[in-house]
Amino acid sequence: MGHPAPFNLKYIGIGNEQWGPQYLERYEPFAKAVKAKYPNMNIVSSAGPSPGGELFDKASAKLRELKAELIDEHYYAKPEWFRENVGRYDNYPRTGPKIFAGEYAAQSVAIGSPDNKNNWDCAISEAAFMTGLERNADVVTMASYAPLFAHVDAWQWTPDLIWFDNLKAYGTPNYYVQKLFATNPGTTMLPVQLGNNAKNGQDNLFASAVADDKAGEVVVKLVNYSPQPRTVTLNLAGAKKLGKSGKAIVLASNDLQAVNSIEQPMNIAPKEEKFAVKSSTISYTLAPNSFTVLRVPGKR
């Protein structure tokens, strides 16, 4: 390819959205050949185009039997599927293949429908689902929204993360959800226990938390899928040297059908605000239909 040095490739996929006995039969010799030549290469295998069903179950079981390293799972479904499956990996085996959430996007109408919109309902539902991915980061090692780009006048699939015309581009609400997760990572997972042992996602409240040891901050992500504001109490009793104020980054809209556009690119976009930290018990009111990232200075 005209490149004088190795590309330092670490991952290679064998198939994309393949399934059935032929794929599984042919996967094995391909995997053996790759490992023989490149023993340190991480192989990504395919579980098919859907997140469940007979073909998915058979592929996942066979790939586990073959000691696959990474299984590529794809989720294209209605927004409620994402909220209902926040705990998808809570009881996933901690040994064996890891998960690459290689393609996912909530579909406002139906899978592959030209009427799908990048609306706030889809984006906030993806945010809820991603709290589950983050809480299970020991299993879900990578995740990727799809597709990435589309021209407003010439596209093959919708929804897409970023739209553009010949002069301008804008990020969808889904883009800002992805950005908030990408720019607020942690170095260590922290346990999240909701009040009265409530299940994560109960009453449409979703949460994950990490410690950012490099920044010396605790980062809590909260999704309030409710038309009403909700006051939550954070107990950071285990944190040391808490700061006197924290930062909230809020993505919200009262209209679940709201979208961004070329004309209104920032209709739904993050807003930042400060909040007081008076003790290790912090009270904060979440906006209706919101995804909020709270950053509190403090060390584990």
Protein backbone atom coordinates (compact mmCIF):
# COMPACT_ATOMS: atom_id res chain seq x y z
CA MET A 1 0.00 0.00 0.00
CA GLY A 2 3.01 2.29 -0.23
CA HIS A 3 3.43 2.46 3.56
CA PRO A 4 7.04 1.63 4.51
CA ALA A 5 6.35 0.70 8.16
CA PRO A 6 3.89 -1.74 9.75
CA PHE A 7 0.46 -0.31 10.56
CA ASN A 8 0.62 -1.70 14.11
CA LEU A 9 -2.79 -3.29 13.57
CA LYS A 10 -4.14 -4.81 16.80
CA TYR A 11 -7.61 -5.98 15.76
CA ILE A 12 -8.98 -7.73 12.70
CA GLY A 13 -12.55 -8.79 12.00
CA ILE A 14 -13.48 -12.08 10.40
CA GLY A 15 -16.83 -11.35 8.80
CA ASN A 16 -19.42 -8.68 9.49
CA GLU A 17 -23.02 -9.61 10.30
CA GLN A 18 -22.42 -13.16 9.08
CA TRP A 19 -24.26 -16.01 10.76
CA GLY A 20 -25.30 -19.61 10.26
CA PRO A 21 -23.32 -22.84 9.91
CA GLN A 22 -21.29 -21.78 6.85
CA TYR A 23 -19.82 -18.77 8.63
CA LEU A 24 -18.94 -20.78 11.72
CA GLU A 25 -17.36 -23.55 9.64
CA ARG A 26 -15.22 -21.08 7.69
CA TYR A 27 -14.41 -18.89 10.68
CA GLU A 28 -12.28 -21.55 12.36
CA PRO A 29 -9.64 -22.03 9.60
CA PHE A 30 -9.44 -18.27 9.07
CA ALA A 31 -8.87 -17.70 12.80
CA LYS A 32 -6.20 -20.42 12.92
CA ALA A 33 -4.39 -18.95 9.92
CA VAL A 34 -4.39 -15.43 11.36
CA LYS A 35 -3.12 -16.61 14.75
CA ALA A 36 -0.40 -18.73 13.16
CA LYS A 37 0.98 -15.70 11.33
CA TYR A 38 0.11 -13.00 13.89
CA PRO A 39 -0.24 -14.60 17.35
CA ASN A 40 -0.82 -11.26 19.10
CA MET A 41 -3.64 -10.17 16.80
CA ASN A 42 -7.06 -9.76 18.43
CA ILE A 43 -9.74 -11.39 16.28
CA VAL A 44 -13.26 -9.94 16.21
CA SER A 45 -15.92 -12.50 15.30
CA SER A 46 -19.52 -11.97 14.19
CA ALA A 47 -22.71 -12.90 16.04
CA GLY A 48 -24.91 -11.78 13.14
CA PRO A 49 -27.07 -8.71 12.52
CA SER A 50 -29.42 -9.03 15.52
CA PRO A 51 -28.95 -8.95 19.30
CA GLY A 52 -30.98 -12.09 19.93
CA GLY A 53 -32.80 -15.05 18.43
CA GLU A 54 -31.89 -18.59 17.43
CA LEU A 55 -29.09 -17.69 15.00
CA PHE A 56 -27.54 -15.26 17.48
CA ASP A 57 -27.70 -17.80 20.31
CA LYS A 58 -26.12 -20.55 18.20
CA ALA A 59 -23.34 -18.28 16.95
CA SER A 60 -22.54 -16.97 20.44
CA ALA A 61 -22.41 -20.47 21.91
CA LYS A 62 -20.20 -21.80 19.10
CA LEU A 63 -17.83 -18.83 19.25
CA ARG A 64 -17.47 -19.30 23.00
CA GLU A 65 -16.69 -22.97 22.35
CA LEU A 66 -14.04 -21.89 19.81
CA LYS A 67 -12.54 -19.56 22.44
CA ALA A 68 -13.23 -16.41 20.42
CA GLU A 69 -11.62 -13.28 21.83
CA LEU A 70 -14.15 -10.62 20.86
CA ILE A 71 -17.73 -11.11 19.68
CA ASP A 72 -19.20 -8.29 17.62
CA GLU A 73 -22.82 -7.64 18.61
CA HIS A 74 -25.12 -5.23 16.77
CA TYR A 75 -28.22 -3.54 18.16
CA TYR A 76 -30.69 -1.79 15.86
CA ALA A 77 -34.00 -1.57 17.68
CA LYS A 78 -36.72 0.74 18.98
CA PRO A 79 -35.72 3.17 21.78
CA GLU A 80 -37.51 1.15 24.45
CA TRP A 81 -35.32 -1.88 23.67
CA PHE A 82 -32.26 0.10 24.74
CA ARG A 83 -33.85 1.14 28.03
CA GLU A 84 -35.12 -2.37 28.71
CA ASN A 85 -31.70 -3.94 28.05
CA VAL A 86 -29.52 -1.75 30.26
CA GLY A 87 -28.69 -4.84 32.34
CA ARG A 88 -27.86 -7.00 29.30
CA TYR A 89 -24.31 -7.71 30.52
CA ASP A 90 -24.82 -7.60 34.29
CA ASN A 91 -24.80 -11.41 34.47
CA TYR A 92 -22.63 -12.08 31.44
CA PRO A 93 -19.83 -14.63 32.12
CA ARG A 94 -16.64 -12.91 33.24
CA THR A 95 -14.48 -15.53 31.53
CA GLY A 96 -14.34 -16.22 27.81
CA PRO A 97 -15.05 -13.83 24.93
CA LYS A 98 -15.32 -10.10 25.46
CA ILE A 99 -17.92 -7.98 23.66
CA PHE A 100 -17.44 -5.37 20.95
CA ALA A 101 -20.70 -3.43 20.60
CA GLY A 102 -19.74 -2.83 17.00
CA GLU A 103 -22.89 -1.20 15.65
CA TYR A 104 -25.89 0.25 17.42
CA ALA A 105 -28.49 2.97 17.03
CA ALA A 106 -32.05 3.36 18.26
CA GLN A 107 -34.56 3.34 15.40
CA SER A 108 -37.43 5.79 15.91
CA VAL A 109 -39.78 4.05 13.44
CA ALA A 110 -38.40 0.67 12.37
CA ILE A 111 -35.10 -0.94 11.41
CA GLY A 112 -33.96 0.49 8.10
CA SER A 113 -36.97 2.80 7.73
CA PRO A 114 -36.31 5.99 5.71
CA ASP A 115 -38.48 7.79 8.27
CA ASN A 116 -36.14 7.16 11.20
CA LYS A 117 -35.07 10.34 12.99
CA ASN A 118 -32.14 11.21 15.23
CA ASN A 119 -34.57 12.45 17.85
CA TRP A 120 -34.04 12.94 21.57
CA ASP A 121 -36.05 9.83 22.44
CA CYS A 122 -33.51 7.71 20.57
CA ALA A 123 -30.50 9.55 21.96
CA ILE A 124 -31.55 9.50 25.62
CA SER A 125 -32.43 5.80 25.32
CA GLU A 126 -28.95 5.12 23.94
CA ALA A 127 -27.50 7.07 26.88
CA ALA A 128 -29.41 4.83 29.28
CA PHE A 129 -28.09 1.72 27.51
CA MET A 130 -24.55 3.06 27.58
CA THR A 131 -24.61 3.35 31.37
CA GLY A 132 -24.97 -0.44 31.28
CA LEU A 133 -22.06 -0.76 28.86
CA GLU A 134 -19.91 1.41 31.11
CA ARG A 135 -20.87 -0.51 34.26
CA ASN A 136 -19.79 -3.69 32.48
CA ALA A 137 -16.61 -2.34 30.93
CA ASP A 138 -14.74 -5.47 32.05
CA VAL A 139 -16.82 -7.35 29.46
CA VAL A 140 -17.75 -4.71 26.88
CA THR A 141 -14.32 -3.55 25.80
CA MET A 142 -15.36 -1.38 22.83
CA ALA A 143 -18.53 0.25 21.51
CA SER A 144 -19.34 2.12 18.32
CA TYR A 145 -22.45 3.96 17.14
CA ALA A 146 -23.25 3.39 13.47
CA PRO A 147 -23.39 4.77 10.85
CA LEU A 148 -21.19 7.83 11.29
CA PHE A 149 -21.80 10.32 8.43
CA ALA A 150 -24.61 11.12 5.99
CA HIS A 151 -25.34 13.87 3.46
CA VAL A 152 -28.73 15.47 3.99
CA ASP A 153 -29.56 15.12 0.28
CA ALA A 154 -27.91 11.77 -0.49
CA TRP A 155 -27.99 9.02 2.12
CA GLN A 156 -28.55 5.28 2.21
CA TRP A 157 -29.48 4.75 5.85
CA THR A 158 -30.93 6.72 8.71
CA PRO A 159 -30.32 7.50 11.56
CA ASP A 160 -26.70 8.68 11.34
CA LEU A 161 -24.47 10.34 13.91
CA ILE A 162 -23.36 13.43 11.94
CA TRP A 163 -25.21 15.05 9.04
CA PHE A 164 -23.82 17.54 6.53
CA ASP A 165 -24.55 19.39 3.31
CA ASN A 166 -22.04 20.94 0.91
CA LEU A 167 -21.20 23.75 3.33
CA LYS A 168 -22.15 22.83 6.88
CA ALA A 169 -22.27 19.92 9.31
CA TYR A 170 -24.03 19.30 12.60
CA GLY A 171 -23.99 16.75 15.36
CA THR A 172 -27.20 14.99 16.29
CA PRO A 173 -28.39 14.58 19.90
CA ASN A 174 -26.97 11.05 19.59
CA TYR A 175 -23.59 12.59 18.74
CA TYR A 176 -23.61 14.63 21.94
CA VAL A 177 -24.47 11.53 23.97
CA GLN A 178 -21.46 9.78 22.44
CA LYS A 179 -19.27 12.82 23.04
CA LEU A 180 -20.21 13.08 26.71
CA PHE A 181 -19.33 9.44 27.30
CA ALA A 182 -16.10 9.73 25.29
CA THR A 183 -14.89 12.89 27.03
CA ASN A 184 -15.85 11.80 30.55
CA PRO A 185 -14.23 8.39 30.91
CA GLY A 186 -12.79 6.94 34.08
CA THR A 187 -9.82 4.88 35.12
CA THR A 188 -11.72 2.79 37.70
CA MET A 189 -15.33 1.66 37.86
CA LEU A 190 -17.27 2.62 40.98
CA PRO A 191 -20.25 0.66 42.29
CA VAL A 192 -23.66 2.25 41.85
CA GLN A 193 -26.33 1.31 44.36
CA LEU A 194 -29.72 2.92 43.99
CA GLY A 195 -31.88 3.62 47.03
CA ASN A 196 -33.82 0.74 48.64
CA ASN A 197 -31.84 -1.70 46.48
CA ALA A 198 -33.73 -0.51 43.40
CA LYS A 199 -32.69 -2.11 40.15
CA ASN A 200 -30.70 0.11 37.81
CA GLY A 201 -33.28 1.52 35.43
CA GLN A 202 -36.16 1.20 37.86
CA ASP A 203 -38.59 4.10 37.50
CA ASN A 204 -36.58 5.13 34.41
CA LEU A 205 -33.52 6.26 36.38
CA PHE A 206 -30.23 4.94 35.01
CA ALA A 207 -26.73 5.48 36.37
CA SER A 208 -23.05 4.59 36.16
CA ALA A 209 -20.04 5.98 38.00
CA VAL A 210 -16.28 6.01 37.54
CA ALA A 211 -13.24 7.50 39.21
CA ASP A 212 -11.02 9.60 36.97
CA ASP A 213 -7.78 9.11 38.88
CA LYS A 214 -5.84 11.27 36.44
CA ALA A 215 -8.10 14.28 36.99
CA GLY A 216 -8.76 13.45 40.64
CA GLU A 217 -12.53 13.46 40.15
CA VAL A 218 -15.55 11.25 40.61
CA VAL A 219 -17.73 11.11 37.48
CA VAL A 220 -21.39 10.10 37.72
CA LYS A 221 -23.61 9.68 34.66
CA LEU A 222 -27.37 9.86 35.20
CA VAL A 223 -30.30 9.45 32.83
CA ASN A 224 -33.73 10.66 33.89
CA TYR A 225 -36.19 9.30 31.34
CA SER A 226 -39.16 11.08 32.86
CA PRO A 227 -41.17 14.21 32.01
CA GLN A 228 -40.73 15.30 35.62
CA PRO A 229 -37.61 16.65 37.37
CA ARG A 230 -36.05 14.21 39.80
CA THR A 231 -33.89 14.95 42.83
CA VAL A 232 -31.15 12.43 43.49
CA THR A 233 -28.76 12.14 46.41
CA LEU A 234 -25.17 11.07 45.83
CA ASN A 235 -23.30 9.46 48.70
CA LEU A 236 -19.57 9.93 48.18
CA ALA A 237 -18.56 8.94 51.71
CA GLY A 238 -15.58 6.95 50.42
CA ALA A 239 -14.09 9.88 48.51
CA LYS A 240 -11.27 12.00 49.95
CA LYS A 241 -10.49 15.69 49.59
CA LEU A 242 -13.81 16.62 48.03
CA GLY A 243 -13.86 19.98 46.30
CA LYS A 244 -16.26 22.77 47.22
CA SER A 245 -18.03 22.71 43.88
CA GLY A 246 -18.70 20.31 41.05
CA LYS A 247 -19.56 20.61 37.38
CA ALA A 248 -22.76 19.37 35.75
CA ILE A 249 -22.96 18.82 31.99
CA VAL A 250 -26.60 18.53 30.99
CA LEU A 251 -28.18 17.31 27.77
CA ALA A 252 -31.96 17.67 27.93
CA SER A 253 -35.18 18.43 26.08
CA ASN A 254 -38.82 18.43 27.13
CA ASP A 255 -39.68 17.23 23.62
CA LEU A 256 -38.66 13.62 22.99
CA GLN A 257 -39.25 14.13 19.26
CA ALA A 258 -36.88 17.11 19.04
CA VAL A 259 -33.97 16.93 16.60
CA ASN A 260 -30.99 19.02 15.49
CA SER A 261 -30.72 20.23 11.91
CA ILE A 262 -28.66 22.32 9.51
CA GLU A 263 -30.85 25.29 10.48
CA GLN A 264 -30.81 24.50 14.23
CA PRO A 265 -27.59 22.58 14.86
CA MET A 266 -27.56 23.24 18.62
CA ASN A 267 -31.24 22.68 19.35
CA ILE A 268 -30.18 19.89 21.72
CA ALA A 269 -26.63 20.39 22.96
CA PRO A 270 -24.77 20.13 26.29
CA LYS A 271 -24.93 22.96 28.81
CA GLU A 272 -22.62 23.31 31.80
CA GLU A 273 -23.33 24.59 35.28
CA LYS A 274 -21.66 24.56 38.68
CA PHE A 275 -23.18 23.10 41.83
CA ALA A 276 -22.14 23.34 45.46
CA VAL A 277 -20.49 20.45 47.30
CA LYS A 278 -20.99 20.97 51.03
CA SER A 279 -20.41 17.41 52.21
CA SER A 280 -20.01 13.86 50.95
CA THR A 281 -23.80 13.74 50.54
CA ILE A 282 -24.77 15.75 47.48
CA SER A 283 -28.31 16.57 46.40
CA TYR A 284 -28.90 17.37 42.74
CA THR A 285 -32.09 17.81 40.73
CA LEU A 286 -32.09 16.18 37.31
CA ALA A 287 -33.96 17.99 34.55
CA PRO A 288 -36.88 16.20 32.88
CA ASN A 289 -35.83 13.87 30.04
CA SER A 290 -32.15 14.50 30.65
CA PHE A 291 -28.73 12.93 30.46
CA THR A 292 -26.44 14.50 33.05
CA VAL A 293 -22.74 14.07 33.78
CA LEU A 294 -21.67 15.17 37.26
CA ARG A 295 -17.97 15.72 37.95
CA VAL A 296 -16.93 16.14 41.58
CA PRO A 297 -13.31 16.78 42.63
CA GLY A 298 -12.34 13.97 44.97
CA LYS A 299 -10.00 11.01 45.23
CA ARG A 300 -10.69 7.41 46.12
